[in-house]
Amino acid sequence: MSERIANLPLFPLHTVLFPGGRLPLKLFEQRYLEMAKECLRTNAVFGVCLILEGHEVGEPALPALVGCTARIATWDMPQLGVLNVRALGERRFRVIDHRTEKNGLLRADVELLAPEQDAELPPRLALGAQLLRRAIESQADLVEPPCRYDSCNWVSARLAELLPLPLATKQELLEMDTGLGRLEVLHAALVRGGASG
């Protein structure tokens, strides 16, 4: 039987979060400050979904139906009414239904998707891992440790986050069920783009 989370607070963003990914956020809207306080108090997760229609600020946006849960790892309040948090992606989920609270916060009943099947990174797809290693060596805080250059899941998720791909493409990659399949798509894009130089 699939795992579900009822009443999960959703944070629609113009970004796609992957499991293991890092998400820095600057919160100032009351609905998200309250959400963050609730998550910190109970060590609960919230859901991050790509915005299909609308904006991050103001009226509730229309979220994509597949997203990723996130847990707040660190936070600080540099000034009153502004909360900086660093959240980490955990599990992919599918929205079953959602509703909007009076304060504009979206909440959803979601089904957690099975963890993606992982595989050891095959030599023929090593280009992405090499590029990633180079990028991380020059900017150590680019990703959340530990680095797993032999994992299709880890390498494909980090590439999908870091490469300048259209958001719709990143969303399609998030919805894929295997890291190997995602890596195949990214490898083809890198080869087409001449990224091996």
N, C-alpha and C. Protein backbone atom coordinates (compact mmCIF):
# COMPACT_ATOMS: atom_id res chain seq x y z
N MET A 1 0.85 -1.20 0.00
CA MET A 1 0.00 0.00 0.00
C MET A 1 0.88 1.25 0.00
N SER A 2 0.48 2.26 -0.77
CA SER A 2 1.31 3.45 -0.91
C SER A 2 1.22 4.32 0.34
N GLU A 3 2.31 5.02 0.61
CA GLU A 3 2.34 5.95 1.75
C GLU A 3 1.69 7.26 1.33
N ARG A 4 0.95 7.84 2.26
CA ARG A 4 0.30 9.12 1.97
C ARG A 4 0.60 10.12 3.07
N ILE A 5 0.55 11.39 2.73
CA ILE A 5 0.62 12.46 3.72
C ILE A 5 -0.62 13.32 3.51
N ALA A 6 -1.39 13.50 4.57
CA ALA A 6 -2.58 14.35 4.50
C ALA A 6 -2.21 15.77 4.89
N ASN A 7 -2.84 16.72 4.22
CA ASN A 7 -2.73 18.12 4.63
C ASN A 7 -1.29 18.67 4.54
N LEU A 8 -0.54 18.21 3.58
CA LEU A 8 0.84 18.67 3.41
C LEU A 8 0.84 20.12 2.92
N PRO A 9 1.54 21.05 3.63
CA PRO A 9 1.62 22.42 3.10
C PRO A 9 2.47 22.43 1.83
N LEU A 10 2.00 23.14 0.83
CA LEU A 10 2.71 23.22 -0.45
C LEU A 10 3.33 24.59 -0.64
N PHE A 11 4.52 24.58 -1.22
CA PHE A 11 5.21 25.83 -1.56
C PHE A 11 5.47 25.79 -3.06
N PRO A 12 4.58 26.37 -3.87
CA PRO A 12 4.84 26.41 -5.31
C PRO A 12 5.94 27.42 -5.63
N LEU A 13 6.90 27.00 -6.45
CA LEU A 13 8.06 27.84 -6.78
C LEU A 13 8.39 27.74 -8.26
N HIS A 14 9.16 28.72 -8.74
CA HIS A 14 9.68 28.64 -10.11
C HIS A 14 11.01 27.87 -10.07
N THR A 15 10.96 26.69 -9.48
CA THR A 15 12.12 25.82 -9.42
C THR A 15 11.62 24.39 -9.24
N VAL A 16 12.48 23.43 -9.57
CA VAL A 16 12.14 22.01 -9.40
C VAL A 16 13.15 21.43 -8.42
N LEU A 17 12.64 20.89 -7.31
CA LEU A 17 13.50 20.30 -6.29
C LEU A 17 13.54 18.79 -6.47
N PHE A 18 14.74 18.22 -6.34
CA PHE A 18 14.93 16.78 -6.46
C PHE A 18 15.32 16.20 -5.10
N PRO A 19 15.05 14.91 -4.87
CA PRO A 19 15.53 14.29 -3.63
C PRO A 19 17.04 14.48 -3.48
N GLY A 20 17.45 14.89 -2.28
CA GLY A 20 18.87 15.14 -2.04
C GLY A 20 19.32 16.53 -2.42
N GLY A 21 18.41 17.31 -2.99
CA GLY A 21 18.76 18.66 -3.43
C GLY A 21 18.68 19.67 -2.31
N ARG A 22 19.33 20.79 -2.53
CA ARG A 22 19.37 21.86 -1.53
C ARG A 22 18.52 23.02 -2.03
N LEU A 23 17.72 23.59 -1.13
CA LEU A 23 16.81 24.67 -1.52
C LEU A 23 16.94 25.83 -0.53
N PRO A 24 17.64 26.91 -0.92
CA PRO A 24 17.67 28.10 -0.06
C PRO A 24 16.42 28.93 -0.30
N LEU A 25 15.79 29.39 0.76
CA LEU A 25 14.56 30.17 0.62
C LEU A 25 14.64 31.40 1.53
N LYS A 26 14.07 32.50 1.03
CA LYS A 26 13.92 33.71 1.84
C LYS A 26 12.42 33.91 2.01
N LEU A 27 11.94 33.70 3.22
CA LEU A 27 10.50 33.75 3.49
C LEU A 27 10.12 35.06 4.14
N PHE A 28 9.06 35.70 3.61
CA PHE A 28 8.58 36.94 4.22
C PHE A 28 7.06 37.03 4.21
N GLU A 29 6.40 36.24 3.34
CA GLU A 29 4.94 36.24 3.34
C GLU A 29 4.45 35.49 4.59
N GLN A 30 3.40 36.02 5.20
CA GLN A 30 2.91 35.47 6.46
C GLN A 30 2.57 33.98 6.35
N ARG A 31 1.96 33.58 5.22
CA ARG A 31 1.56 32.18 5.08
C ARG A 31 2.76 31.24 5.13
N TYR A 32 3.89 31.67 4.54
CA TYR A 32 5.06 30.80 4.52
C TYR A 32 5.87 30.89 5.81
N LEU A 33 5.81 32.05 6.48
CA LEU A 33 6.44 32.15 7.79
C LEU A 33 5.74 31.20 8.77
N GLU A 34 4.40 31.18 8.72
CA GLU A 34 3.63 30.29 9.60
C GLU A 34 3.91 28.83 9.25
N MET A 35 3.99 28.53 7.96
CA MET A 35 4.30 27.16 7.52
C MET A 35 5.67 26.72 8.06
N ALA A 36 6.67 27.60 7.93
CA ALA A 36 8.02 27.27 8.38
C ALA A 36 8.05 27.05 9.89
N LYS A 37 7.33 27.90 10.64
CA LYS A 37 7.28 27.75 12.10
C LYS A 37 6.69 26.40 12.47
N GLU A 38 5.60 26.03 11.79
CA GLU A 38 4.95 24.74 12.04
C GLU A 38 5.91 23.58 11.73
N CYS A 39 6.61 23.68 10.60
CA CYS A 39 7.55 22.62 10.21
C CYS A 39 8.71 22.51 11.20
N LEU A 40 9.21 23.65 11.66
CA LEU A 40 10.31 23.63 12.62
C LEU A 40 9.86 23.08 13.97
N ARG A 41 8.67 23.44 14.38
CA ARG A 41 8.16 23.00 15.69
C ARG A 41 7.96 21.49 15.72
N THR A 42 7.50 20.92 14.61
CA THR A 42 7.15 19.49 14.60
C THR A 42 8.12 18.65 13.77
N ASN A 43 9.18 19.28 13.24
CA ASN A 43 10.15 18.60 12.35
C ASN A 43 9.43 17.95 11.17
N ALA A 44 8.42 18.64 10.65
CA ALA A 44 7.62 18.11 9.54
C ALA A 44 8.18 18.60 8.21
N VAL A 45 7.75 17.93 7.15
CA VAL A 45 8.14 18.33 5.80
C VAL A 45 7.07 19.23 5.19
N PHE A 46 7.45 19.95 4.15
CA PHE A 46 6.49 20.66 3.30
C PHE A 46 6.75 20.22 1.87
N GLY A 47 5.83 20.53 0.97
CA GLY A 47 5.97 20.08 -0.41
C GLY A 47 6.39 21.22 -1.33
N VAL A 48 7.34 20.95 -2.20
CA VAL A 48 7.77 21.94 -3.20
C VAL A 48 7.29 21.46 -4.56
N CYS A 49 6.54 22.33 -5.25
CA CYS A 49 6.02 22.01 -6.59
C CYS A 49 6.36 23.14 -7.54
N LEU A 50 6.61 22.78 -8.78
CA LEU A 50 6.81 23.79 -9.82
C LEU A 50 5.50 24.53 -10.06
N ILE A 51 5.60 25.85 -10.23
CA ILE A 51 4.42 26.65 -10.57
C ILE A 51 4.10 26.46 -12.06
N LEU A 52 2.88 26.03 -12.33
CA LEU A 52 2.44 25.91 -13.73
C LEU A 52 1.81 27.21 -14.21
N GLU A 53 1.05 27.85 -13.30
CA GLU A 53 0.43 29.14 -13.62
C GLU A 53 0.48 30.00 -12.37
N GLY A 54 0.81 31.28 -12.54
CA GLY A 54 0.81 32.19 -11.40
C GLY A 54 2.20 32.58 -10.97
N HIS A 55 2.28 33.12 -9.75
CA HIS A 55 3.53 33.69 -9.23
C HIS A 55 3.82 33.16 -7.84
N GLU A 56 5.09 33.35 -7.42
CA GLU A 56 5.50 32.88 -6.09
C GLU A 56 4.89 33.74 -4.98
N VAL A 57 4.67 35.01 -5.28
CA VAL A 57 4.14 35.95 -4.28
C VAL A 57 2.73 36.33 -4.67
N GLY A 58 1.88 36.53 -3.66
CA GLY A 58 0.52 36.98 -3.93
C GLY A 58 -0.47 35.83 -4.02
N GLU A 59 -1.35 35.90 -5.01
CA GLU A 59 -2.42 34.90 -5.16
C GLU A 59 -1.85 33.49 -5.25
N PRO A 60 -2.59 32.49 -4.71
CA PRO A 60 -2.11 31.10 -4.80
C PRO A 60 -1.88 30.69 -6.26
N ALA A 61 -0.75 30.02 -6.50
CA ALA A 61 -0.39 29.59 -7.85
C ALA A 61 -0.89 28.17 -8.10
N LEU A 62 -0.95 27.80 -9.37
CA LEU A 62 -1.33 26.44 -9.75
C LEU A 62 -0.08 25.57 -9.74
N PRO A 63 -0.03 24.54 -8.86
CA PRO A 63 1.19 23.73 -8.78
C PRO A 63 1.17 22.52 -9.72
N ALA A 64 2.36 22.07 -10.12
CA ALA A 64 2.48 20.79 -10.82
C ALA A 64 2.04 19.69 -9.86
N LEU A 65 1.59 18.57 -10.41
CA LEU A 65 1.04 17.51 -9.57
C LEU A 65 2.10 16.57 -9.00
N VAL A 66 3.34 16.65 -9.51
CA VAL A 66 4.44 15.87 -8.93
C VAL A 66 5.45 16.85 -8.36
N GLY A 67 5.80 16.65 -7.09
CA GLY A 67 6.76 17.53 -6.43
C GLY A 67 7.68 16.73 -5.54
N CYS A 68 8.35 17.42 -4.63
CA CYS A 68 9.31 16.78 -3.73
C CYS A 68 9.12 17.34 -2.33
N THR A 69 9.08 16.47 -1.34
CA THR A 69 9.01 16.97 0.03
C THR A 69 10.35 17.58 0.41
N ALA A 70 10.30 18.55 1.31
CA ALA A 70 11.51 19.24 1.77
C ALA A 70 11.45 19.38 3.28
N ARG A 71 12.61 19.28 3.91
CA ARG A 71 12.71 19.45 5.36
C ARG A 71 13.72 20.56 5.64
N ILE A 72 13.37 21.45 6.56
CA ILE A 72 14.26 22.57 6.89
C ILE A 72 15.47 22.04 7.65
N ALA A 73 16.67 22.34 7.12
CA ALA A 73 17.91 21.88 7.75
C ALA A 73 18.51 22.97 8.63
N THR A 74 18.53 24.21 8.14
CA THR A 74 19.04 25.33 8.93
C THR A 74 18.17 26.55 8.67
N TRP A 75 18.19 27.47 9.60
CA TRP A 75 17.42 28.71 9.42
C TRP A 75 18.06 29.84 10.22
N ASP A 76 17.79 31.07 9.80
CA ASP A 76 18.13 32.22 10.63
C ASP A 76 17.21 33.37 10.24
N MET A 77 17.06 34.33 11.16
CA MET A 77 16.18 35.47 10.92
C MET A 77 17.03 36.74 10.98
N PRO A 78 17.55 37.17 9.79
CA PRO A 78 18.45 38.33 9.77
C PRO A 78 17.75 39.63 10.17
N GLN A 79 16.45 39.70 9.95
CA GLN A 79 15.67 40.87 10.37
C GLN A 79 14.25 40.40 10.67
N LEU A 80 13.55 41.20 11.45
CA LEU A 80 12.20 40.84 11.85
C LEU A 80 11.32 40.65 10.61
N GLY A 81 10.62 39.52 10.55
CA GLY A 81 9.70 39.27 9.44
C GLY A 81 10.33 38.65 8.22
N VAL A 82 11.63 38.35 8.28
CA VAL A 82 12.30 37.67 7.16
C VAL A 82 13.01 36.44 7.71
N LEU A 83 12.69 35.29 7.15
CA LEU A 83 13.29 34.04 7.61
C LEU A 83 14.05 33.40 6.45
N ASN A 84 15.35 33.20 6.64
CA ASN A 84 16.16 32.48 5.65
C ASN A 84 16.24 31.02 6.07
N VAL A 85 15.88 30.13 5.18
CA VAL A 85 15.99 28.70 5.51
C VAL A 85 16.76 27.98 4.40
N ARG A 86 17.38 26.87 4.78
CA ARG A 86 17.96 25.95 3.80
C ARG A 86 17.24 24.64 4.00
N ALA A 87 16.49 24.24 2.98
CA ALA A 87 15.73 22.99 3.05
C ALA A 87 16.39 21.95 2.15
N LEU A 88 16.16 20.69 2.48
CA LEU A 88 16.72 19.58 1.69
C LEU A 88 15.59 18.73 1.14
N GLY A 89 15.70 18.38 -0.15
CA GLY A 89 14.70 17.54 -0.79
C GLY A 89 14.76 16.11 -0.28
N GLU A 90 13.59 15.49 -0.07
CA GLU A 90 13.57 14.12 0.45
C GLU A 90 12.89 13.11 -0.48
N ARG A 91 11.57 13.22 -0.64
CA ARG A 91 10.83 12.20 -1.41
C ARG A 91 9.93 12.85 -2.45
N ARG A 92 9.84 12.20 -3.60
CA ARG A 92 8.89 12.66 -4.63
C ARG A 92 7.47 12.28 -4.21
N PHE A 93 6.52 13.10 -4.62
CA PHE A 93 5.12 12.80 -4.31
C PHE A 93 4.23 13.22 -5.47
N ARG A 94 3.01 12.67 -5.44
CA ARG A 94 1.98 13.07 -6.42
C ARG A 94 0.80 13.64 -5.65
N VAL A 95 0.32 14.80 -6.08
CA VAL A 95 -0.82 15.45 -5.43
C VAL A 95 -2.10 14.70 -5.81
N ILE A 96 -2.85 14.33 -4.78
CA ILE A 96 -4.16 13.69 -5.01
C ILE A 96 -5.23 14.78 -5.13
N ASP A 97 -5.23 15.70 -4.17
CA ASP A 97 -6.09 16.88 -4.29
C ASP A 97 -5.50 17.98 -3.41
N HIS A 98 -5.87 19.22 -3.71
CA HIS A 98 -5.34 20.33 -2.91
C HIS A 98 -6.41 21.39 -2.70
N ARG A 99 -6.20 22.20 -1.68
CA ARG A 99 -7.14 23.26 -1.35
C ARG A 99 -6.36 24.47 -0.84
N THR A 100 -7.02 25.61 -0.80
CA THR A 100 -6.36 26.84 -0.36
C THR A 100 -6.95 27.28 0.97
N GLU A 101 -6.08 27.54 1.95
CA GLU A 101 -6.54 28.03 3.25
C GLU A 101 -6.84 29.53 3.16
N LYS A 102 -7.46 30.07 4.22
CA LYS A 102 -7.83 31.49 4.23
C LYS A 102 -6.63 32.40 4.02
N ASN A 103 -5.47 32.00 4.55
CA ASN A 103 -4.28 32.86 4.42
C ASN A 103 -3.57 32.69 3.08
N GLY A 104 -4.14 31.86 2.19
CA GLY A 104 -3.55 31.68 0.86
C GLY A 104 -2.60 30.51 0.75
N LEU A 105 -2.35 29.80 1.88
CA LEU A 105 -1.45 28.64 1.83
C LEU A 105 -2.16 27.45 1.18
N LEU A 106 -1.48 26.81 0.26
CA LEU A 106 -2.02 25.59 -0.36
C LEU A 106 -1.69 24.40 0.54
N ARG A 107 -2.64 23.51 0.69
CA ARG A 107 -2.40 22.24 1.37
C ARG A 107 -2.91 21.12 0.47
N ALA A 108 -2.24 19.97 0.55
CA ALA A 108 -2.61 18.88 -0.36
C ALA A 108 -2.55 17.54 0.37
N ASP A 109 -3.36 16.63 -0.10
CA ASP A 109 -3.22 15.22 0.26
C ASP A 109 -2.36 14.62 -0.85
N VAL A 110 -1.26 13.98 -0.46
CA VAL A 110 -0.32 13.49 -1.46
C VAL A 110 0.00 12.03 -1.24
N GLU A 111 0.38 11.40 -2.32
CA GLU A 111 0.87 10.02 -2.28
C GLU A 111 2.38 10.06 -2.52
N LEU A 112 3.14 9.50 -1.60
CA LEU A 112 4.60 9.45 -1.79
C LEU A 112 4.92 8.43 -2.87
N LEU A 113 5.74 8.82 -3.82
CA LEU A 113 6.12 7.90 -4.89
C LEU A 113 7.25 7.00 -4.40
N ALA A 114 7.30 5.81 -4.93
CA ALA A 114 8.36 4.87 -4.54
C ALA A 114 9.71 5.50 -4.83
N PRO A 115 10.69 5.30 -3.94
CA PRO A 115 12.03 5.83 -4.23
C PRO A 115 12.50 5.32 -5.59
N GLU A 116 13.17 6.20 -6.32
CA GLU A 116 13.61 5.83 -7.67
C GLU A 116 14.60 4.66 -7.59
N GLN A 117 14.51 3.79 -8.58
CA GLN A 117 15.48 2.70 -8.67
C GLN A 117 16.84 3.29 -9.00
N ASP A 118 17.84 2.91 -8.23
CA ASP A 118 19.18 3.42 -8.49
C ASP A 118 20.01 2.35 -9.20
N ALA A 119 21.07 2.76 -9.81
CA ALA A 119 21.99 1.84 -10.48
C ALA A 119 23.37 2.46 -10.43
N GLU A 120 24.39 1.61 -10.55
CA GLU A 120 25.75 2.13 -10.61
C GLU A 120 25.94 2.82 -11.94
N LEU A 121 26.62 3.93 -11.91
CA LEU A 121 26.78 4.74 -13.11
C LEU A 121 27.63 4.01 -14.15
N PRO A 122 27.07 3.74 -15.34
CA PRO A 122 27.84 3.02 -16.36
C PRO A 122 28.90 3.93 -17.00
N PRO A 123 30.06 3.37 -17.37
CA PRO A 123 31.14 4.17 -17.96
C PRO A 123 30.70 5.00 -19.16
N ARG A 124 29.76 4.47 -19.96
CA ARG A 124 29.34 5.20 -21.16
C ARG A 124 28.61 6.50 -20.83
N LEU A 125 28.14 6.64 -19.57
CA LEU A 125 27.44 7.85 -19.17
C LEU A 125 28.26 8.68 -18.18
N ALA A 126 29.57 8.51 -18.21
CA ALA A 126 30.44 9.15 -17.22
C ALA A 126 30.60 10.65 -17.43
N LEU A 127 30.24 11.16 -18.60
CA LEU A 127 30.45 12.57 -18.90
C LEU A 127 29.79 13.48 -17.85
N GLY A 128 28.55 13.18 -17.50
CA GLY A 128 27.83 14.00 -16.53
C GLY A 128 28.53 14.02 -15.19
N ALA A 129 28.98 12.86 -14.73
CA ALA A 129 29.68 12.77 -13.44
C ALA A 129 30.98 13.56 -13.48
N GLN A 130 31.68 13.52 -14.61
CA GLN A 130 32.95 14.27 -14.74
C GLN A 130 32.70 15.78 -14.66
N LEU A 131 31.66 16.24 -15.36
CA LEU A 131 31.33 17.67 -15.34
C LEU A 131 30.93 18.10 -13.95
N LEU A 132 30.15 17.26 -13.29
CA LEU A 132 29.68 17.55 -11.94
C LEU A 132 30.86 17.64 -10.98
N ARG A 133 31.76 16.68 -11.08
CA ARG A 133 32.94 16.66 -10.20
C ARG A 133 33.75 17.95 -10.37
N ARG A 134 33.94 18.35 -11.64
CA ARG A 134 34.70 19.56 -11.93
C ARG A 134 34.02 20.79 -11.30
N ALA A 135 32.70 20.86 -11.46
CA ALA A 135 31.96 22.01 -10.93
C ALA A 135 32.04 22.05 -9.41
N ILE A 136 31.91 20.89 -8.77
CA ILE A 136 31.92 20.83 -7.30
C ILE A 136 33.32 21.10 -6.76
N GLU A 137 34.35 20.65 -7.48
CA GLU A 137 35.72 20.93 -7.05
C GLU A 137 36.03 22.42 -7.08
N SER A 138 35.41 23.14 -8.00
CA SER A 138 35.66 24.58 -8.08
C SER A 138 34.73 25.38 -7.17
N GLN A 139 33.63 24.76 -6.74
CA GLN A 139 32.67 25.44 -5.85
C GLN A 139 32.09 24.40 -4.89
N ALA A 140 32.78 24.20 -3.78
CA ALA A 140 32.50 23.07 -2.88
C ALA A 140 31.08 23.08 -2.30
N ASP A 141 30.50 24.28 -2.10
CA ASP A 141 29.18 24.32 -1.46
C ASP A 141 28.03 24.28 -2.47
N LEU A 142 28.32 23.80 -3.66
CA LEU A 142 27.31 23.73 -4.72
C LEU A 142 26.22 22.72 -4.40
N VAL A 143 26.59 21.62 -3.76
CA VAL A 143 25.63 20.55 -3.45
C VAL A 143 25.77 20.13 -1.99
N GLU A 144 24.78 19.41 -1.54
CA GLU A 144 24.77 18.88 -0.18
C GLU A 144 25.59 17.59 -0.16
N PRO A 145 26.60 17.48 0.72
CA PRO A 145 27.37 16.23 0.78
C PRO A 145 26.50 15.11 1.37
N PRO A 146 26.89 13.83 1.18
CA PRO A 146 28.08 13.37 0.48
C PRO A 146 27.88 13.31 -1.03
N CYS A 147 28.97 13.43 -1.78
CA CYS A 147 28.92 13.30 -3.24
C CYS A 147 28.96 11.82 -3.60
N ARG A 148 28.07 11.41 -4.50
CA ARG A 148 27.99 9.99 -4.89
C ARG A 148 28.10 9.89 -6.41
N TYR A 149 29.33 10.03 -6.89
CA TYR A 149 29.56 10.07 -8.34
C TYR A 149 29.32 8.73 -9.03
N ASP A 150 29.13 7.66 -8.25
CA ASP A 150 28.87 6.35 -8.85
C ASP A 150 27.38 6.02 -8.91
N SER A 151 26.52 6.95 -8.45
CA SER A 151 25.08 6.70 -8.38
C SER A 151 24.34 7.43 -9.49
N CYS A 152 23.60 6.68 -10.29
CA CYS A 152 22.79 7.30 -11.36
C CYS A 152 21.79 8.29 -10.78
N ASN A 153 21.15 7.92 -9.66
CA ASN A 153 20.16 8.81 -9.04
C ASN A 153 20.80 10.14 -8.64
N TRP A 154 21.92 10.04 -7.91
CA TRP A 154 22.53 11.25 -7.36
C TRP A 154 23.07 12.13 -8.48
N VAL A 155 23.81 11.54 -9.41
CA VAL A 155 24.42 12.33 -10.49
C VAL A 155 23.33 12.96 -11.37
N SER A 156 22.31 12.19 -11.71
CA SER A 156 21.27 12.73 -12.60
C SER A 156 20.47 13.83 -11.91
N ALA A 157 20.20 13.67 -10.62
CA ALA A 157 19.43 14.69 -9.90
C ALA A 157 20.23 15.98 -9.78
N ARG A 158 21.53 15.87 -9.44
CA ARG A 158 22.34 17.08 -9.31
C ARG A 158 22.52 17.77 -10.66
N LEU A 159 22.71 17.00 -11.73
CA LEU A 159 22.83 17.61 -13.07
C LEU A 159 21.54 18.32 -13.45
N ALA A 160 20.41 17.67 -13.19
CA ALA A 160 19.11 18.27 -13.53
C ALA A 160 18.91 19.59 -12.79
N GLU A 161 19.39 19.66 -11.55
CA GLU A 161 19.27 20.90 -10.77
C GLU A 161 20.18 21.99 -11.33
N LEU A 162 21.42 21.62 -11.67
CA LEU A 162 22.43 22.62 -11.96
C LEU A 162 22.48 23.07 -13.42
N LEU A 163 22.08 22.20 -14.34
CA LEU A 163 22.14 22.58 -15.76
C LEU A 163 21.05 23.61 -16.09
N PRO A 164 21.35 24.53 -17.01
CA PRO A 164 20.36 25.56 -17.38
C PRO A 164 19.29 25.01 -18.34
N LEU A 165 18.48 24.13 -17.82
CA LEU A 165 17.42 23.49 -18.61
C LEU A 165 16.10 24.23 -18.41
N PRO A 166 15.19 24.18 -19.40
CA PRO A 166 13.86 24.76 -19.18
C PRO A 166 13.18 24.06 -17.99
N LEU A 167 12.40 24.83 -17.24
CA LEU A 167 11.72 24.26 -16.06
C LEU A 167 10.82 23.09 -16.43
N ALA A 168 10.19 23.16 -17.59
CA ALA A 168 9.31 22.05 -18.01
C ALA A 168 10.13 20.77 -18.19
N THR A 169 11.36 20.91 -18.69
CA THR A 169 12.25 19.74 -18.85
C THR A 169 12.66 19.19 -17.49
N LYS A 170 12.99 20.08 -16.56
CA LYS A 170 13.37 19.65 -15.20
C LYS A 170 12.20 18.90 -14.55
N GLN A 171 10.98 19.39 -14.79
CA GLN A 171 9.81 18.72 -14.21
C GLN A 171 9.65 17.32 -14.81
N GLU A 172 9.84 17.20 -16.10
CA GLU A 172 9.77 15.87 -16.75
C GLU A 172 10.82 14.93 -16.16
N LEU A 173 12.01 15.45 -15.90
CA LEU A 173 13.08 14.64 -15.32
C LEU A 173 12.72 14.20 -13.90
N LEU A 174 12.10 15.10 -13.13
CA LEU A 174 11.68 14.74 -11.77
C LEU A 174 10.67 13.60 -11.80
N GLU A 175 9.81 13.59 -12.81
CA GLU A 175 8.73 12.60 -12.88
C GLU A 175 9.22 11.23 -13.35
N MET A 176 10.47 11.14 -13.82
CA MET A 176 11.00 9.84 -14.26
C MET A 176 11.28 8.95 -13.05
N ASP A 177 11.07 7.65 -13.22
CA ASP A 177 11.17 6.72 -12.08
C ASP A 177 12.54 6.09 -11.88
N THR A 178 13.46 6.30 -12.81
CA THR A 178 14.79 5.71 -12.62
C THR A 178 15.87 6.75 -12.88
N GLY A 179 16.90 6.71 -12.05
CA GLY A 179 18.03 7.60 -12.24
C GLY A 179 18.76 7.33 -13.54
N LEU A 180 18.80 6.05 -13.93
CA LEU A 180 19.48 5.69 -15.18
C LEU A 180 18.77 6.32 -16.37
N GLY A 181 17.44 6.24 -16.40
CA GLY A 181 16.68 6.85 -17.49
C GLY A 181 16.89 8.35 -17.55
N ARG A 182 16.91 8.99 -16.39
CA ARG A 182 17.13 10.43 -16.32
C ARG A 182 18.53 10.78 -16.83
N LEU A 183 19.50 9.95 -16.43
CA LEU A 183 20.87 10.20 -16.85
C LEU A 183 21.05 10.03 -18.36
N GLU A 184 20.33 9.06 -18.94
CA GLU A 184 20.38 8.86 -20.40
C GLU A 184 19.94 10.15 -21.13
N VAL A 185 18.84 10.73 -20.64
CA VAL A 185 18.30 11.95 -21.26
C VAL A 185 19.30 13.11 -21.11
N LEU A 186 19.87 13.25 -19.91
CA LEU A 186 20.81 14.34 -19.66
C LEU A 186 22.10 14.15 -20.45
N HIS A 187 22.56 12.91 -20.55
CA HIS A 187 23.78 12.62 -21.31
C HIS A 187 23.58 13.02 -22.78
N ALA A 188 22.44 12.66 -23.34
CA ALA A 188 22.15 13.02 -24.73
C ALA A 188 22.15 14.54 -24.91
N ALA A 189 21.58 15.26 -23.92
CA ALA A 189 21.53 16.73 -23.99
C ALA A 189 22.95 17.31 -23.89
N LEU A 190 23.77 16.74 -23.01
CA LEU A 190 25.16 17.23 -22.88
C LEU A 190 25.96 17.00 -24.15
N VAL A 191 25.79 15.83 -24.76
CA VAL A 191 26.52 15.51 -25.99
C VAL A 191 26.06 16.44 -27.11
N ARG A 192 24.74 16.67 -27.20
CA ARG A 192 24.21 17.60 -28.22
C ARG A 192 24.77 19.00 -28.02
N GLY A 193 24.89 19.38 -26.74
CA GLY A 193 25.36 20.75 -26.44
C GLY A 193 26.86 20.90 -26.48
N GLY A 194 27.58 19.81 -26.76
CA GLY A 194 29.03 19.89 -26.84
C GLY A 194 29.69 20.19 -25.51
N ALA A 195 29.11 19.60 -24.42
CA ALA A 195 29.61 19.91 -23.07
C ALA A 195 30.87 19.15 -22.71
N SER A 196 31.38 18.33 -23.62
CA SER A 196 32.53 17.49 -23.25
C SER A 196 33.84 18.27 -23.25
N GLY A 197 33.83 19.52 -23.76
CA GLY A 197 35.07 20.27 -23.85
C GLY A 197 35.46 20.96 -22.58
